[in-house]
Structures are given as C-alpha cells and as structure tokens.
Amino acid sequence: MTKHLLRHLVGEYQLKVEKIRGKFYRCMQIFLAKWGSCSYDNESIDDIKVPLRYKHLVKQWAPKDLPKINTDFSVSERIYHIAPSSLHGFGLLSMDCIKVCYVELTEFMEYIGPCYNYNDWVQLVQYTKSMRRYGVAANYIQLKENDENKGATMYINGRPKVAGNIVGFINSTWPITTNKQPNCIFEGCEGNHVFVCVIKSIVAGEELLIYYN
C-alpha cells in the first residue's frame, strides 16, 4: 500500500469519525435545550440517613472530579463522553473506535470506590440504597475458585458522584427485556480490584453496556 493511499484512507476515516461526533453533539444540544442542564444529584435517590450507630462503618473517600456532561474527556489515551443513555439516565460512550481480538480482552478502566466487607455492607445498604445499585463484588472470582461462602465477599461502592467512578455510568443490559447486548464485562484481579474490559469491537459514538447480574 503506497503512502499516498494510506494517507487518503486515514483522512477518510478521520472525516467519518468527525461526522459521527458532529451528529452526536447536535443531538446533545437539542437534549440540553429541551430539558435543561444535567447533574448527578439523583444518584442518591431513595437513600435515607445512616443511623449514628452505623456511622463509623462509612469509609472516607476522596473522589476525583467527574467530567461534565457533553464534554469529551480522555482516559488512557481514549476519548469518552457522558450523555443520555439509550436505556435510562446517563450512559458512557466511547468516542473512539476500539478494536478487540477474539482471543483477548481489552481492559480500559477500573471500577473504583471504597471497599466494604460483607457484614458492613449489609448494614449500610439498608439505608444507603444507592450503594446496592452500584455495588460490585470485588473478589467474586477468588471466592468462586476457592468455594468460599458469601460472608467473605468484599463489595465496592462504585457510585459515580460519591466515588468519582466514571465506570458507574456504564448501564446494565439487565433485564433482558432491554433487547441490548453487553459489549463489556467485569474482570476481577487480586487485591480486590475490578476492571471493565471490552469484549466486542466498538464504533465511535457507541454506548458501553455491561451485564451487572
């Protein structure tokens, strides 16, 4: 392939990506004009105050600032966007194409937040119900391999606003009535770390989806 042809193909690809982004931005401007500015304030809906006797269980966490709605941001040299989801609320979109080989996973973000043991988690989610919505078992793989009981489970409180967890904006394809297929999965690692990996190739502007259950 000649250098001239290669430059031509790269130029066409970049033009196609810019057209997709332009269409996406126009849709976002219509959304913002019709419904007003957006916030993450409904994250804690249905939560009630944690009783004083359980306050000591709540872990301190210094979250990173979340990106603004309708603004490109970069993580590990890839461009992402938080926007209205095709399912509900807000979702996380990839503004770059992500190529995935069939023989390997493409890891791109860690699911972050304070980690709780099973007993503390059970006490707190009675009051902070949003923790249950964004809770992920950090050591599920290890427990499954060692056939341990659920009492040894460690949970990550991945609420976007509280934990600064961008991955929390990836919506679940459950229930199956959504008719959507996940393009990401959770992968547990040692040390109670959970990463999100892409399992299918992603086109620019596509929403990232995962199966939480």
Protein backbone atom coordinates (compact mmCIF):
# COMPACT_ATOMS: atom_id res chain seq x y z
CA MET A 1 0.00 0.00 0.00
CA THR A 2 1.50 3.38 -1.05
CA LYS A 3 1.94 6.25 1.41
CA HIS A 4 -0.46 8.38 -0.67
CA LEU A 5 -3.21 5.75 -0.48
CA LEU A 6 -2.60 5.24 3.24
CA ARG A 7 -2.92 8.99 3.91
CA HIS A 8 -6.12 9.03 1.85
CA LEU A 9 -7.65 6.15 3.87
CA VAL A 10 -6.64 7.73 7.19
CA GLY A 11 -8.17 11.04 6.07
CA GLU A 12 -11.44 9.33 5.12
CA TYR A 13 -11.55 7.54 8.48
CA GLN A 14 -10.95 10.77 10.42
CA LEU A 15 -13.65 12.54 8.41
CA LYS A 16 -16.12 9.73 9.19
CA VAL A 17 -15.33 9.95 12.92
CA GLU A 18 -15.80 13.74 12.88
CA LYS A 19 -19.19 13.37 11.17
CA ILE A 20 -20.32 10.89 13.85
CA ARG A 21 -19.15 13.22 16.61
CA GLY A 22 -20.82 16.21 14.95
CA LYS A 23 -24.15 14.38 14.74
CA PHE A 24 -23.80 13.31 18.36
CA TYR A 25 -23.06 16.87 19.56
CA ARG A 26 -26.09 18.26 17.69
CA CYS A 27 -28.33 15.68 19.38
CA MET A 28 -26.85 16.62 22.75
CA GLN A 29 -27.53 20.32 22.17
CA ILE A 30 -31.20 19.52 21.45
CA PHE A 31 -31.34 17.47 24.65
CA LEU A 32 -29.84 20.25 26.77
CA ALA A 33 -32.06 22.92 25.20
CA LYS A 34 -35.23 20.92 25.77
CA TRP A 35 -34.69 19.59 29.29
CA GLY A 36 -32.12 21.98 30.74
CA SER A 37 -28.75 21.30 32.29
CA CYS A 38 -27.95 17.92 33.80
CA SER A 39 -26.47 16.84 37.13
CA TYR A 40 -25.73 13.68 39.08
CA ASP A 41 -27.90 14.71 42.04
CA ASN A 42 -30.39 11.84 41.60
CA GLU A 43 -27.67 9.30 42.33
CA SER A 44 -28.69 9.12 45.99
CA ILE A 45 -32.44 8.96 45.40
CA ASP A 46 -34.28 6.81 47.98
CA ASP A 47 -31.29 6.98 50.36
CA ILE A 48 -32.00 7.75 54.00
CA LYS A 49 -29.69 8.98 56.74
CA VAL A 50 -27.40 6.33 58.18
CA PRO A 51 -28.08 5.96 61.95
CA LEU A 52 -25.38 7.19 64.30
CA ARG A 53 -24.59 3.64 65.45
CA TYR A 54 -23.50 2.73 61.90
CA LYS A 55 -21.72 6.00 61.01
CA HIS A 56 -18.34 4.53 61.87
CA LEU A 57 -18.80 1.93 59.11
CA VAL A 58 -18.90 4.58 56.38
CA LYS A 59 -15.43 4.83 54.82
CA GLN A 60 -13.86 8.14 53.93
CA TRP A 61 -13.11 8.52 50.24
CA ALA A 62 -11.74 11.47 48.28
CA PRO A 63 -13.37 11.21 44.84
CA LYS A 64 -11.90 12.65 41.68
CA ASP A 65 -13.98 15.26 39.87
CA LEU A 66 -16.30 13.76 37.29
CA PRO A 67 -16.27 15.01 33.69
CA LYS A 68 -19.00 17.41 32.66
CA ILE A 69 -21.96 16.32 30.56
CA ASN A 70 -21.47 16.79 26.80
CA THR A 71 -17.71 17.15 27.12
CA ASP A 72 -15.05 14.86 25.69
CA PHE A 73 -12.56 13.52 28.22
CA SER A 74 -9.58 11.21 27.94
CA VAL A 75 -8.72 8.07 29.92
CA SER A 76 -5.64 6.07 28.92
CA GLU A 77 -5.44 7.88 25.56
CA ARG A 78 -9.05 7.06 24.62
CA ILE A 79 -11.84 9.62 24.27
CA TYR A 80 -15.14 9.13 26.15
CA HIS A 81 -18.37 11.05 26.64
CA ILE A 82 -21.14 11.01 29.28
CA ALA A 83 -24.54 11.52 27.66
CA PRO A 84 -28.21 10.43 27.83
CA SER A 85 -28.33 6.64 27.62
CA SER A 86 -30.26 4.56 25.12
CA LEU A 87 -31.60 2.66 28.17
CA HIS A 88 -32.14 5.14 31.00
CA GLY A 89 -30.48 8.10 32.71
CA PHE A 90 -26.94 8.77 31.57
CA GLY A 91 -24.51 6.42 29.91
CA LEU A 92 -20.85 6.24 28.96
CA LEU A 93 -19.98 6.37 25.27
CA SER A 94 -16.70 5.70 23.51
CA MET A 95 -15.87 8.43 21.01
CA ASP A 96 -13.07 6.31 19.55
CA CYS A 97 -13.21 3.00 17.76
CA ILE A 98 -11.94 0.14 19.92
CA LYS A 99 -10.73 -2.95 18.10
CA VAL A 100 -10.99 -6.24 20.00
CA CYS A 101 -9.34 -9.51 19.04
CA TYR A 102 -11.34 -12.68 19.61
CA VAL A 103 -8.55 -14.25 21.66
CA GLU A 104 -8.08 -11.43 24.16
CA LEU A 105 -9.93 -8.81 26.20
CA THR A 106 -9.28 -5.07 26.01
CA GLU A 107 -9.02 -3.63 29.51
CA PHE A 108 -9.75 0.09 29.77
CA MET A 109 -10.97 1.29 33.18
CA GLU A 110 -11.00 0.27 36.84
CA TYR A 111 -14.23 0.18 38.85
CA ILE A 112 -13.23 2.34 41.80
CA GLY A 113 -14.71 3.19 45.18
CA PRO A 114 -14.41 2.34 48.89
CA CYS A 115 -14.39 -1.40 49.59
CA TYR A 116 -16.54 -2.98 52.35
CA ASN A 117 -16.69 -6.42 53.91
CA TYR A 118 -19.95 -8.34 53.75
CA ASN A 119 -21.20 -7.53 57.27
CA ASP A 120 -20.61 -3.77 56.98
CA TRP A 121 -22.15 -3.73 53.50
CA VAL A 122 -25.34 -5.46 54.65
CA GLN A 123 -25.79 -2.89 57.43
CA LEU A 124 -25.21 0.17 55.24
CA VAL A 125 -27.29 -0.78 52.18
CA GLN A 126 -30.39 -0.85 54.38
CA TYR A 127 -30.17 2.93 54.43
CA THR A 128 -27.92 3.89 51.51
CA LYS A 129 -29.82 2.01 48.82
CA SER A 130 -27.80 3.58 46.02
CA MET A 131 -24.82 1.53 47.24
CA ARG A 132 -26.71 -1.61 46.21
CA ARG A 133 -27.36 -0.20 42.73
CA TYR A 134 -23.68 0.49 42.17
CA GLY A 135 -22.23 -2.34 44.25
CA VAL A 136 -19.84 -4.84 42.65
CA ALA A 137 -18.33 -7.91 44.34
CA ALA A 138 -14.59 -7.25 44.27
CA ASN A 139 -13.40 -10.78 44.99
CA TYR A 140 -16.10 -12.83 43.26
CA ILE A 141 -13.64 -14.76 41.10
CA GLN A 142 -11.44 -15.71 44.05
CA LEU A 143 -14.45 -16.83 46.09
CA LYS A 144 -15.76 -18.91 43.22
CA GLU A 145 -12.40 -20.60 42.74
CA ASN A 146 -11.95 -21.30 46.46
CA ASP A 147 -15.61 -22.22 47.04
CA GLU A 148 -15.86 -19.83 49.99
CA ASN A 149 -19.12 -18.54 51.48
CA LYS A 150 -20.64 -15.15 50.69
CA GLY A 151 -19.67 -13.86 54.13
CA ALA A 152 -16.15 -13.38 52.78
CA THR A 153 -17.33 -11.19 49.90
CA MET A 154 -15.87 -7.69 49.55
CA TYR A 155 -18.05 -5.05 47.87
CA ILE A 156 -17.00 -1.90 46.02
CA ASN A 157 -19.27 1.11 46.44
CA GLY A 158 -18.92 2.48 42.91
CA ARG A 159 -21.39 5.37 43.00
CA PRO A 160 -20.19 7.87 40.37
CA LYS A 161 -20.62 11.06 42.39
CA VAL A 162 -19.53 9.71 45.77
CA ALA A 163 -16.59 7.66 44.48
CA GLY A 164 -15.70 9.61 41.33
CA ASN A 165 -16.29 6.36 39.47
CA ILE A 166 -16.70 7.06 35.75
CA VAL A 167 -17.36 3.37 35.09
CA GLY A 168 -20.54 3.68 37.17
CA PHE A 169 -22.13 5.36 34.13
CA ILE A 170 -21.96 2.13 32.13
CA ASN A 171 -25.54 0.87 32.16
CA SER A 172 -26.64 -2.72 32.59
CA THR A 173 -28.39 -4.74 29.88
CA TRP A 174 -30.42 -6.47 32.60
CA PRO A 175 -33.32 -7.17 32.43
CA ILE A 176 -33.23 -8.98 29.09
CA THR A 177 -36.32 -7.00 28.00
CA THR A 178 -33.93 -4.16 27.09
CA ASN A 179 -33.04 -6.19 23.95
CA LYS A 180 -29.48 -4.89 24.27
CA GLN A 181 -26.33 -6.99 24.24
CA PRO A 182 -23.39 -6.15 26.53
CA ASN A 183 -20.12 -5.13 24.92
CA CYS A 184 -18.18 -5.11 28.21
CA ILE A 185 -17.60 -7.44 31.17
CA PHE A 186 -16.18 -7.16 34.69
CA GLU A 187 -12.81 -8.80 35.35
CA GLY A 188 -11.68 -9.28 38.95
CA CYS A 189 -8.00 -9.06 39.92
CA GLU A 190 -6.03 -9.75 43.06
CA GLY A 191 -6.22 -7.14 45.81
CA ASN A 192 -9.98 -6.53 45.42
CA HIS A 193 -9.59 -4.70 42.10
CA VAL A 194 -12.22 -4.88 39.36
CA PHE A 195 -11.65 -3.74 35.78
CA VAL A 196 -14.06 -3.32 32.90
CA CYS A 197 -12.98 -4.99 29.66
CA VAL A 198 -14.39 -4.63 26.16
CA ILE A 199 -15.41 -7.95 24.59
CA LYS A 200 -16.65 -6.64 21.24
CA SER A 201 -15.27 -4.10 18.82
CA ILE A 202 -16.72 -0.64 19.46
CA VAL A 203 -17.52 2.00 16.83
CA ALA A 204 -17.13 5.72 17.54
CA GLY A 205 -20.17 7.08 19.39
CA GLU A 206 -21.34 3.66 20.66
CA GLU A 207 -22.63 3.31 24.22
CA LEU A 208 -20.77 0.95 26.54
CA LEU A 209 -23.04 -1.65 28.14
CA ILE A 210 -22.44 -4.36 30.71
CA TYR A 211 -24.40 -7.13 32.42
CA TYR A 212 -24.39 -6.42 36.16
CA ASN A 213 -26.22 -9.56 37.26
